[in-house]
N, C-alpha and C. Protein backbone atom coordinates (compact mmCIF):
# COMPACT_ATOMS: atom_id res chain seq x y z
N UNK A 1 144.99 93.97 85.34
CA UNK A 1 145.48 92.55 85.49
C UNK A 1 144.83 91.79 86.68
N UNK A 2 144.57 92.64 87.74
CA UNK A 2 143.90 92.06 88.89
C UNK A 2 142.50 91.73 88.59
N UNK A 3 141.90 92.41 87.61
CA UNK A 3 140.49 92.04 87.22
C UNK A 3 140.45 90.61 86.56
N UNK A 4 141.38 90.36 85.73
CA UNK A 4 141.44 89.01 85.08
C UNK A 4 141.72 87.93 86.18
N UNK A 5 142.67 88.25 87.13
CA UNK A 5 142.90 87.37 88.12
C UNK A 5 141.60 87.10 89.06
N UNK A 6 140.93 88.09 89.28
CA UNK A 6 139.77 87.99 90.21
C UNK A 6 138.67 87.11 89.44
N UNK A 7 138.45 87.38 88.21
CA UNK A 7 137.46 86.56 87.48
C UNK A 7 137.88 85.16 87.32
N UNK A 8 139.19 84.91 87.09
CA UNK A 8 139.65 83.63 86.83
C UNK A 8 139.52 82.76 88.24
N UNK A 9 139.76 83.49 89.34
CA UNK A 9 139.58 82.86 90.67
C UNK A 9 138.08 82.39 90.82
N UNK A 10 137.20 83.27 90.39
CA UNK A 10 135.73 82.91 90.57
C UNK A 10 135.33 81.75 89.66
N UNK A 11 135.82 81.73 88.43
CA UNK A 11 135.45 80.75 87.46
C UNK A 11 136.13 79.34 87.89
N UNK A 12 137.38 79.34 88.20
CA UNK A 12 138.05 78.05 88.58
C UNK A 12 137.53 77.61 89.93
N UNK A 13 137.26 78.50 90.85
CA UNK A 13 136.65 78.07 92.14
C UNK A 13 135.30 77.53 91.98
N UNK A 14 134.52 78.09 91.06
CA UNK A 14 133.13 77.51 90.79
C UNK A 14 133.25 76.15 90.14
N UNK A 15 134.28 75.93 89.22
CA UNK A 15 134.39 74.67 88.68
C UNK A 15 134.83 73.56 89.68
N UNK A 16 135.73 73.89 90.59
CA UNK A 16 136.13 72.97 91.63
C UNK A 16 134.89 72.70 92.49
N UNK A 17 134.16 73.68 92.88
CA UNK A 17 132.96 73.45 93.75
C UNK A 17 131.89 72.59 93.12
N UNK A 18 131.65 72.84 91.78
CA UNK A 18 130.70 71.95 91.11
C UNK A 18 131.20 70.58 90.98
N UNK A 19 132.53 70.47 90.70
CA UNK A 19 133.15 69.11 90.58
C UNK A 19 133.13 68.29 91.91
N UNK A 20 133.17 69.07 93.00
CA UNK A 20 133.22 68.46 94.29
C UNK A 20 131.73 67.91 94.60
N UNK A 21 130.77 68.78 94.29
CA UNK A 21 129.42 68.45 94.75
C UNK A 21 128.71 67.45 93.74
N UNK A 22 129.17 67.51 92.48
CA UNK A 22 128.56 66.64 91.48
C UNK A 22 128.78 65.20 91.74
N UNK A 23 127.76 64.35 91.84
CA UNK A 23 127.76 62.91 92.14
C UNK A 23 128.33 62.66 93.55
N UNK A 24 128.19 63.62 94.39
CA UNK A 24 128.65 63.41 95.81
C UNK A 24 127.61 62.83 96.74
N UNK A 25 126.44 63.43 96.56
CA UNK A 25 125.30 62.98 97.38
C UNK A 25 124.18 62.48 96.44
N UNK A 26 123.67 61.33 96.68
CA UNK A 26 124.05 60.34 97.69
C UNK A 26 125.36 59.66 97.25
N UNK A 27 126.26 59.44 98.19
CA UNK A 27 127.52 58.95 97.89
C UNK A 27 127.52 57.87 96.73
N UNK A 28 127.85 58.31 95.59
CA UNK A 28 127.86 57.42 94.40
C UNK A 28 129.20 57.00 94.18
N UNK A 29 129.70 56.01 95.01
CA UNK A 29 130.99 55.54 94.94
C UNK A 29 131.05 54.42 93.90
N UNK A 30 131.80 54.51 92.98
CA UNK A 30 131.97 53.46 91.97
C UNK A 30 132.66 52.27 92.42
N UNK A 31 132.05 51.07 92.33
CA UNK A 31 132.70 49.91 92.87
C UNK A 31 133.83 49.43 91.97
N UNK A 32 134.87 48.89 92.51
CA UNK A 32 136.00 48.29 91.75
C UNK A 32 135.99 46.89 92.08
N UNK A 33 135.49 46.04 91.13
CA UNK A 33 135.21 44.63 91.42
C UNK A 33 136.43 43.75 91.06
N UNK A 34 137.38 44.21 90.34
CA UNK A 34 138.46 43.35 89.86
C UNK A 34 139.53 43.06 90.98
N UNK A 35 139.51 43.87 92.02
CA UNK A 35 140.54 43.80 93.03
C UNK A 35 139.94 43.40 94.37
N UNK A 36 140.74 43.24 95.40
CA UNK A 36 140.36 42.82 96.73
C UNK A 36 139.64 43.88 97.52
N UNK A 37 139.15 43.51 98.68
CA UNK A 37 138.40 44.39 99.57
C UNK A 37 139.26 45.63 99.95
N UNK A 38 140.53 45.46 100.24
CA UNK A 38 141.38 46.59 100.67
C UNK A 38 141.42 47.62 99.55
N UNK A 39 141.57 47.22 98.34
CA UNK A 39 141.59 48.12 97.26
C UNK A 39 140.30 48.86 97.08
N UNK A 40 139.17 48.16 97.28
CA UNK A 40 137.81 48.75 97.12
C UNK A 40 137.67 49.87 98.20
N UNK A 41 138.02 49.52 99.45
CA UNK A 41 137.88 50.48 100.54
C UNK A 41 138.83 51.71 100.29
N UNK A 42 140.09 51.41 99.94
CA UNK A 42 141.00 52.54 99.68
C UNK A 42 140.48 53.41 98.54
N UNK A 43 139.97 52.77 97.52
CA UNK A 43 139.42 53.65 96.40
C UNK A 43 138.23 54.45 96.89
N UNK A 44 137.31 53.86 97.70
CA UNK A 44 136.22 54.60 98.19
C UNK A 44 136.67 55.83 99.09
N UNK A 45 137.56 55.58 99.95
CA UNK A 45 138.00 56.65 100.83
C UNK A 45 138.79 57.74 100.02
N UNK A 46 139.57 57.38 99.05
CA UNK A 46 140.26 58.30 98.20
C UNK A 46 139.29 59.13 97.40
N UNK A 47 138.21 58.50 96.98
CA UNK A 47 137.11 59.22 96.20
C UNK A 47 136.42 60.30 97.05
N UNK A 48 136.11 59.93 98.30
CA UNK A 48 135.45 60.85 99.26
C UNK A 48 136.41 61.98 99.64
N UNK A 49 137.68 61.65 99.90
CA UNK A 49 138.59 62.70 100.28
C UNK A 49 138.87 63.58 99.10
N UNK A 50 138.91 63.13 97.83
CA UNK A 50 139.02 63.99 96.71
C UNK A 50 137.91 64.92 96.51
N UNK A 51 136.63 64.48 96.79
CA UNK A 51 135.48 65.27 96.68
C UNK A 51 135.43 66.42 97.71
N UNK A 52 135.79 66.10 99.00
CA UNK A 52 135.91 67.08 100.03
C UNK A 52 136.94 68.08 99.62
N UNK A 53 138.06 67.63 99.17
CA UNK A 53 139.10 68.63 98.80
C UNK A 53 138.77 69.53 97.70
N UNK A 54 137.98 69.03 96.68
CA UNK A 54 137.44 69.87 95.66
C UNK A 54 136.56 70.96 96.20
N UNK A 55 135.69 70.58 97.13
CA UNK A 55 134.76 71.59 97.80
C UNK A 55 135.56 72.59 98.46
N UNK A 56 136.57 72.16 99.28
CA UNK A 56 137.32 73.13 100.17
C UNK A 56 138.17 74.02 99.29
N UNK A 57 138.79 73.55 98.15
CA UNK A 57 139.55 74.38 97.30
C UNK A 57 138.71 75.35 96.61
N UNK A 58 137.52 74.92 96.10
CA UNK A 58 136.52 75.76 95.40
C UNK A 58 136.10 76.93 96.28
N UNK A 59 135.75 76.61 97.49
CA UNK A 59 135.24 77.61 98.41
C UNK A 59 136.34 78.69 98.73
N UNK A 60 137.53 78.10 98.97
CA UNK A 60 138.72 78.95 99.24
C UNK A 60 139.02 79.88 98.10
N UNK A 61 139.03 79.33 96.82
CA UNK A 61 139.28 80.20 95.74
C UNK A 61 138.18 81.30 95.50
N UNK A 62 136.95 80.93 95.68
CA UNK A 62 135.85 81.93 95.55
C UNK A 62 135.95 82.99 96.59
N UNK A 63 136.33 82.60 97.86
CA UNK A 63 136.51 83.53 98.96
C UNK A 63 137.64 84.48 98.62
N UNK A 64 138.80 83.93 98.15
CA UNK A 64 139.95 84.85 97.80
C UNK A 64 139.63 85.75 96.67
N UNK A 65 138.88 85.28 95.63
CA UNK A 65 138.46 86.18 94.65
C UNK A 65 137.53 87.26 95.09
N UNK A 66 136.63 86.89 96.07
CA UNK A 66 135.79 87.93 96.59
C UNK A 66 136.53 89.03 97.39
N UNK A 67 137.52 88.46 98.17
CA UNK A 67 138.36 89.53 98.96
C UNK A 67 139.12 90.37 98.00
N UNK A 68 139.55 89.92 96.82
CA UNK A 68 140.26 90.74 95.81
C UNK A 68 139.29 91.75 95.29
N UNK A 69 138.02 91.31 95.02
CA UNK A 69 137.03 92.16 94.52
C UNK A 69 136.76 93.31 95.51
N UNK A 70 136.62 93.03 96.81
CA UNK A 70 136.36 94.00 97.82
C UNK A 70 137.58 95.02 97.97
N UNK A 71 138.72 94.48 97.83
CA UNK A 71 139.97 95.28 97.81
C UNK A 71 140.00 96.29 96.68
N UNK A 72 139.57 95.81 95.48
CA UNK A 72 139.55 96.68 94.34
C UNK A 72 138.44 97.79 94.53
N UNK A 73 137.38 97.38 95.16
CA UNK A 73 136.19 98.29 95.32
C UNK A 73 136.57 99.42 96.31
N UNK A 74 137.34 99.02 97.31
CA UNK A 74 137.81 100.01 98.30
C UNK A 74 138.79 101.01 97.74
N UNK A 75 139.71 100.53 96.84
CA UNK A 75 140.76 101.40 96.26
C UNK A 75 140.05 102.37 95.35
N UNK A 76 139.05 101.99 94.62
CA UNK A 76 138.38 102.93 93.72
C UNK A 76 137.71 104.04 94.48
């Protein structure tokens, strides 16, 4: 069961990492032209924060999966 958990952590972490990096550089922030400036800036900041969180969560999940892998390797 730990084997399935470890592989799922690697896969989901990789998906988060790719989702965070994809369209991140150069900052491809989609403009929202129907609303005022405050909404545009809030949308841009939320977009960047979401990308950073995706990267952080992805790296953390991959790290946790790798630690589980090392733990299984030591037990064997």
